[in-house]
Protein backbone atom coordinates (compact mmCIF):
# COMPACT_ATOMS: atom_id res chain seq x y z
CA MET A 1 16.03 -7.54 -3.94
CA ASN A 2 16.98 -4.66 -1.71
CA ARG A 3 14.65 -1.86 -0.62
CA ARG A 4 15.84 0.62 -3.27
CA ASP A 5 15.33 -1.93 -6.08
CA ALA A 6 11.88 -2.84 -4.74
CA ILE A 7 10.83 0.83 -4.71
CA LYS A 8 12.09 1.21 -8.29
CA ALA A 9 10.10 -1.90 -9.28
CA VAL A 10 6.89 -0.49 -7.79
CA MET A 11 7.44 2.89 -9.46
CA ALA A 12 7.87 1.13 -12.82
CA MET A 13 4.41 -0.45 -12.54
CA PRO A 14 1.74 1.08 -14.77
CA GLY A 15 -0.36 3.68 -12.96
CA VAL A 16 2.01 4.19 -10.03
CA THR A 17 2.71 7.92 -9.92
CA ALA A 18 4.08 8.39 -6.42
CA ILE A 19 5.46 6.48 -3.51
CA ALA A 20 5.99 7.72 0.02
CA VAL A 21 8.75 6.10 2.00
CA ALA A 22 8.08 5.86 5.71
CA THR A 23 9.04 3.94 8.78
CA VAL A 24 6.57 1.12 9.23
CA ALA A 25 5.90 -0.42 12.63
CA PRO A 26 5.16 -4.17 12.84
CA GLU A 27 1.50 -3.58 13.78
CA ASP A 28 0.90 -1.13 10.90
CA VAL A 29 -1.13 -1.96 7.81
CA ILE A 30 0.12 -0.61 4.49
CA VAL A 31 -2.74 0.75 2.37
CA LEU A 32 -2.01 1.27 -1.32
CA GLU A 33 -4.49 3.16 -3.51
CA HIS A 34 -4.66 2.80 -7.29
CA PRO A 35 -6.91 4.90 -9.54
CA GLY A 36 -7.76 2.06 -11.92
CA LEU A 37 -8.72 -1.60 -11.92
CA LEU A 38 -5.80 -3.99 -11.45
CA SER A 39 -5.47 -7.58 -12.57
CA GLN A 40 -5.10 -10.25 -9.91
CA GLU A 41 -1.54 -10.70 -11.14
CA ALA A 42 -0.77 -7.00 -10.65
CA VAL A 43 -2.17 -7.04 -7.11
CA ALA A 44 -0.11 -10.16 -6.34
CA ASN A 45 3.02 -8.47 -7.72
CA ILE A 46 2.38 -5.37 -5.61
CA ARG A 47 1.86 -7.46 -2.47
CA ALA A 48 5.01 -9.52 -3.18
CA THR A 49 7.08 -6.38 -3.70
CA VAL A 50 5.83 -4.83 -0.45
CA GLN A 51 6.56 -8.10 1.37
CA ARG A 52 10.15 -8.03 0.13
CA VAL A 53 10.59 -4.53 1.55
CA TRP A 54 8.58 -5.06 4.76
CA PRO A 55 8.40 -8.82 5.45
CA GLY A 56 5.30 -9.93 7.35
CA GLN A 57 3.55 -6.57 6.92
CA ARG A 58 -0.19 -6.57 6.21
CA VAL A 59 -1.14 -4.94 2.90
CA ILE A 60 -4.45 -3.63 1.55
CA VAL A 61 -4.71 -2.71 -2.14
CA LEU A 62 -7.60 -0.38 -3.02
CA GLU A 63 -8.56 0.00 -6.67
CA GLU A 64 -10.68 2.19 -8.94
CA GLY A 65 -10.29 5.31 -6.83
CA MET A 66 -11.40 3.68 -3.58
CA THR A 67 -9.97 5.28 -0.48
CA MET A 68 -9.85 4.16 3.12
CA GLN A 69 -10.42 6.36 6.13
CA ILE A 70 -10.87 5.62 9.80
CA GLN A 71 -12.78 8.11 11.89
CA ARG A 72 -11.72 7.88 15.52
CA ALA A 73 -14.53 8.11 18.05
CA ALA A 74 -12.56 10.69 20.05
CA ALA A 75 -12.47 12.94 16.98
CA VAL A 76 -16.25 13.09 16.66
CA GLY A 77 -17.06 12.88 20.37
CA ALA A 78 -17.86 9.72 22.28
CA ARG A 79 -21.56 9.03 22.73
């Protein structure tokens, strides 16, 4: 499966409303957010699809409206 077909496959999944295509560095972690609860099979399919597009990339799937943020110490002032 090529990259374009993989993106189409992800967009065809229930609940997926948008996808942003970006350059991903090897040390990056791909974080995918989904508004609802996913089955284990759906999460596995999402991970497999991402792995076909970006082999070896780490993937986090957040469900039920969960979001992930990292607050850098420099942004709030080092103590």
